[in-house]
């Protein structure tokens, strides 16, 4: 047996639409927050040598990464991976990141102020 749907008032349709938009916006914000958190966590692996959020400590021989253009970061990481850029440990560390993670790190550090 089929049951007819109750008639919807214009007010209930507006309230339902607003509720749907709020839920969609909330899900989008949560996804964005998760991506931001993931980028920060990934960048935290660089902090012991390059400083928090890529800000190297004063007089450090290791360069800071904050504000480094994304293309430069990617180029250098690929150089470490391939061995064309010399390093003490970065050639080993770089190989632990896939291309998507390198892109994510590049965007994160490029967005940081020097």
C-alpha atoms as a PDB file:
ATOM      1  CA  UNK A   1       0.000   0.000   0.000  1.00  0.00           C
ATOM      2  CA  UNK A   2       1.360   3.392  -0.930  1.00  0.00           C
ATOM      3  CA  UNK A   3       1.017   6.283   1.443  1.00  0.00           C
ATOM      4  CA  UNK A   4       0.682   9.771   0.021  1.00  0.00           C
ATOM      5  CA  UNK A   5       3.244  12.292   1.125  1.00  0.00           C
ATOM      6  CA  UNK A   6       1.872  15.061   3.287  1.00  0.00           C
ATOM      7  CA  UNK A   7       1.670  18.424   1.581  1.00  0.00           C
ATOM      8  CA  UNK A   8       4.680  20.646   2.222  1.00  0.00           C
ATOM      9  CA  UNK A   9       4.181  24.252   3.090  1.00  0.00           C
ATOM     10  CA  UNK A  10       6.464  26.845   1.519  1.00  0.00           C
ATOM     11  CA  UNK A  11       7.838  27.542   4.996  1.00  0.00           C
ATOM     12  CA  UNK A  12       8.789  23.899   5.600  1.00  0.00           C
ATOM     13  CA  UNK A  13      10.422  23.766   2.176  1.00  0.00           C
ATOM     14  CA  UNK A  14      12.537  26.841   3.000  1.00  0.00           C
ATOM     15  CA  UNK A  15      13.495  25.452   6.404  1.00  0.00           C
ATOM     16  CA  UNK A  16      14.393  22.108   4.810  1.00  0.00           C
ATOM     17  CA  UNK A  17      16.481  23.822   2.148  1.00  0.00           C
ATOM     18  CA  UNK A  18      18.341  25.920   4.695  1.00  0.00           C
ATOM     19  CA  UNK A  19      18.991  22.838   6.811  1.00  0.00           C
ATOM     20  CA  UNK A  20      20.369  20.989   3.781  1.00  0.00           C
ATOM     21  CA  UNK A  21      22.668  23.905   2.930  1.00  0.00           C
ATOM     22  CA  UNK A  22      23.930  24.090   6.500  1.00  0.00           C
ATOM     23  CA  UNK A  23      24.677  20.369   6.519  1.00  0.00           C
ATOM     24  CA  UNK A  24      26.502  20.599   3.185  1.00  0.00           C
ATOM     25  CA  UNK A  25      28.481  23.615   4.409  1.00  0.00           C
ATOM     26  CA  UNK A  26      29.346  21.824   7.626  1.00  0.00           C
ATOM     27  CA  UNK A  27      30.598  18.761   5.754  1.00  0.00           C
ATOM     28  CA  UNK A  28      32.668  20.986   3.473  1.00  0.00           C
ATOM     29  CA  UNK A  29      34.180  22.827   6.447  1.00  0.00           C
ATOM     30  CA  UNK A  30      34.977  19.534   8.159  1.00  0.00           C
ATOM     31  CA  UNK A  31      36.685  18.232   5.022  1.00  0.00           C
ATOM     32  CA  UNK A  32      38.663  21.446   4.755  1.00  0.00           C
ATOM     33  CA  UNK A  33      39.621  21.252   8.425  1.00  0.00           C
ATOM     34  CA  UNK A  34      40.727  17.635   7.934  1.00  0.00           C
ATOM     35  CA  UNK A  35      42.870  18.606   4.936  1.00  0.00           C
ATOM     36  CA  UNK A  36      44.412  21.495   6.874  1.00  0.00           C
ATOM     37  CA  UNK A  37      45.120  19.225   9.813  1.00  0.00           C
ATOM     38  CA  UNK A  38      46.665  16.634   7.522  1.00  0.00           C
ATOM     39  CA  UNK A  39      48.919  19.276   5.927  1.00  0.00           C
ATOM     40  CA  UNK A  40      50.041  20.530   9.322  1.00  0.00           C
ATOM     41  CA  UNK A  41      50.753  16.999  10.524  1.00  0.00           C
ATOM     42  CA  UNK A  42      52.731  16.242   7.386  1.00  0.00           C
ATOM     43  CA  UNK A  43      54.694  19.497   7.722  1.00  0.00           C
ATOM     44  CA  UNK A  44      55.417  18.696  11.370  1.00  0.00           C
ATOM     45  CA  UNK A  45      57.694  15.896  10.162  1.00  0.00           C
ATOM     46  CA  UNK A  46      59.957  18.606   8.702  1.00  0.00           C
ATOM     47  CA  UNK A  47      60.023  20.694  11.897  1.00  0.00           C
ATOM     48  CA  UNK A  48      62.945  19.011  13.703  1.00  0.00           C
ATOM     49  CA  UNK A  49      65.343  20.280  11.036  1.00  0.00           C
ATOM     50  CA  UNK A  50      63.519  23.105   9.225  1.00  0.00           C
ATOM     51  CA  UNK A  51      61.619  24.614  12.178  1.00  0.00           C
ATOM     52  CA  UNK A  52      57.973  24.821  13.102  1.00  0.00           C
ATOM     53  CA  UNK A  53      55.859  25.630  10.012  1.00  0.00           C
ATOM     54  CA  UNK A  54      59.116  25.908   8.078  1.00  0.00           C
ATOM     55  CA  UNK A  55      60.559  28.761  10.143  1.00  0.00           C
ATOM     56  CA  UNK A  56      64.189  27.809  10.743  1.00  0.00           C
ATOM     57  CA  UNK A  57      65.825  29.023  13.910  1.00  0.00           C
ATOM     58  CA  UNK A  58      68.286  31.900  13.615  1.00  0.00           C
ATOM     59  CA  UNK A  59      71.815  30.956  12.497  1.00  0.00           C
ATOM     60  CA  UNK A  60      70.659  27.506  11.382  1.00  0.00           C
ATOM     61  CA  UNK A  61      72.608  25.845   8.590  1.00  0.00           C
ATOM     62  CA  UNK A  62      69.375  24.150   7.519  1.00  0.00           C
ATOM     63  CA  UNK A  63      67.209  26.489   5.426  1.00  0.00           C
ATOM     64  CA  UNK A  64      63.698  27.462   6.384  1.00  0.00           C
ATOM     65  CA  UNK A  65      60.889  26.320   4.112  1.00  0.00           C
ATOM     66  CA  UNK A  66      58.305  28.981   4.968  1.00  0.00           C
ATOM     67  CA  UNK A  67      57.439  31.093   1.937  1.00  0.00           C
ATOM     68  CA  UNK A  68      59.380  28.873  -0.469  1.00  0.00           C
ATOM     69  CA  UNK A  69      57.567  28.844  -3.830  1.00  0.00           C
ATOM     70  CA  UNK A  70      55.737  25.558  -4.364  1.00  0.00           C
ATOM     71  CA  UNK A  71      57.506  24.864  -7.661  1.00  0.00           C
ATOM     72  CA  UNK A  72      60.908  25.317  -6.049  1.00  0.00           C
ATOM     73  CA  UNK A  73      59.994  22.993  -3.183  1.00  0.00           C
ATOM     74  CA  UNK A  74      58.760  20.300  -5.595  1.00  0.00           C
ATOM     75  CA  UNK A  75      61.837  20.659  -7.805  1.00  0.00           C
ATOM     76  CA  UNK A  76      64.173  20.315  -4.824  1.00  0.00           C
ATOM     77  CA  UNK A  77      62.311  17.318  -3.378  1.00  0.00           C
ATOM     78  CA  UNK A  78      62.401  15.595  -6.770  1.00  0.00           C
ATOM     79  CA  UNK A  79      66.121  16.345  -6.964  1.00  0.00           C
ATOM     80  CA  UNK A  80      66.656  14.736  -3.570  1.00  0.00           C
ATOM     81  CA  UNK A  81      64.593  11.697  -4.626  1.00  0.00           C
ATOM     82  CA  UNK A  82      66.508  11.213  -7.869  1.00  0.00           C
ATOM     83  CA  UNK A  83      69.903  11.924  -6.324  1.00  0.00           C
ATOM     84  CA  UNK A  84      70.646  14.908  -8.584  1.00  0.00           C
ATOM     85  CA  UNK A  85      70.580  17.206  -5.550  1.00  0.00           C
ATOM     86  CA  UNK A  86      73.136  16.296  -2.920  1.00  0.00           C
ATOM     87  CA  UNK A  87      72.277  16.083   0.745  1.00  0.00           C
ATOM     88  CA  UNK A  88      73.239  14.360   3.938  1.00  0.00           C
ATOM     89  CA  UNK A  89      69.866  12.811   4.778  1.00  0.00           C
ATOM     90  CA  UNK A  90      67.252  14.546   2.597  1.00  0.00           C
ATOM     91  CA  UNK A  91      67.719  12.088  -0.269  1.00  0.00           C
ATOM     92  CA  UNK A  92      66.530   9.330   2.077  1.00  0.00           C
ATOM     93  CA  UNK A  93      63.747  11.404   3.657  1.00  0.00           C
ATOM     94  CA  UNK A  94      62.401  12.649   0.310  1.00  0.00           C
ATOM     95  CA  UNK A  95      61.938   9.092  -0.933  1.00  0.00           C
ATOM     96  CA  UNK A  96      59.447   8.549   1.901  1.00  0.00           C
ATOM     97  CA  UNK A  97      56.973  11.049   0.416  1.00  0.00           C
ATOM     98  CA  UNK A  98      54.752  10.299  -2.570  1.00  0.00           C
ATOM     99  CA  UNK A  99      54.017  12.956  -5.209  1.00  0.00           C
ATOM    100  CA  UNK A 100      50.701  13.967  -3.624  1.00  0.00           C
ATOM    101  CA  UNK A 101      52.380  14.490  -0.260  1.00  0.00           C
ATOM    102  CA  UNK A 102      55.163  16.543  -1.852  1.00  0.00           C
ATOM    103  CA  UNK A 103      52.524  18.707  -3.562  1.00  0.00           C
ATOM    104  CA  UNK A 104      50.673  19.077  -0.255  1.00  0.00           C
ATOM    105  CA  UNK A 105      53.866  20.079   1.568  1.00  0.00           C
ATOM    106  CA  UNK A 106      54.787  22.495  -1.224  1.00  0.00           C
ATOM    107  CA  UNK A 107      51.428  24.248  -0.957  1.00  0.00           C
ATOM    108  CA  UNK A 108      51.618  24.352   2.847  1.00  0.00           C
ATOM    109  CA  UNK A 109      55.102  25.884   3.007  1.00  0.00           C
ATOM    110  CA  UNK A 110      54.405  28.306   0.137  1.00  0.00           C
ATOM    111  CA  UNK A 111      51.425  29.646   2.132  1.00  0.00           C
ATOM    112  CA  UNK A 112      53.537  30.332   5.243  1.00  0.00           C
ATOM    113  CA  UNK A 113      54.929  33.819   5.758  1.00  0.00           C
ATOM    114  CA  UNK A 114      58.708  34.067   5.862  1.00  0.00           C
END
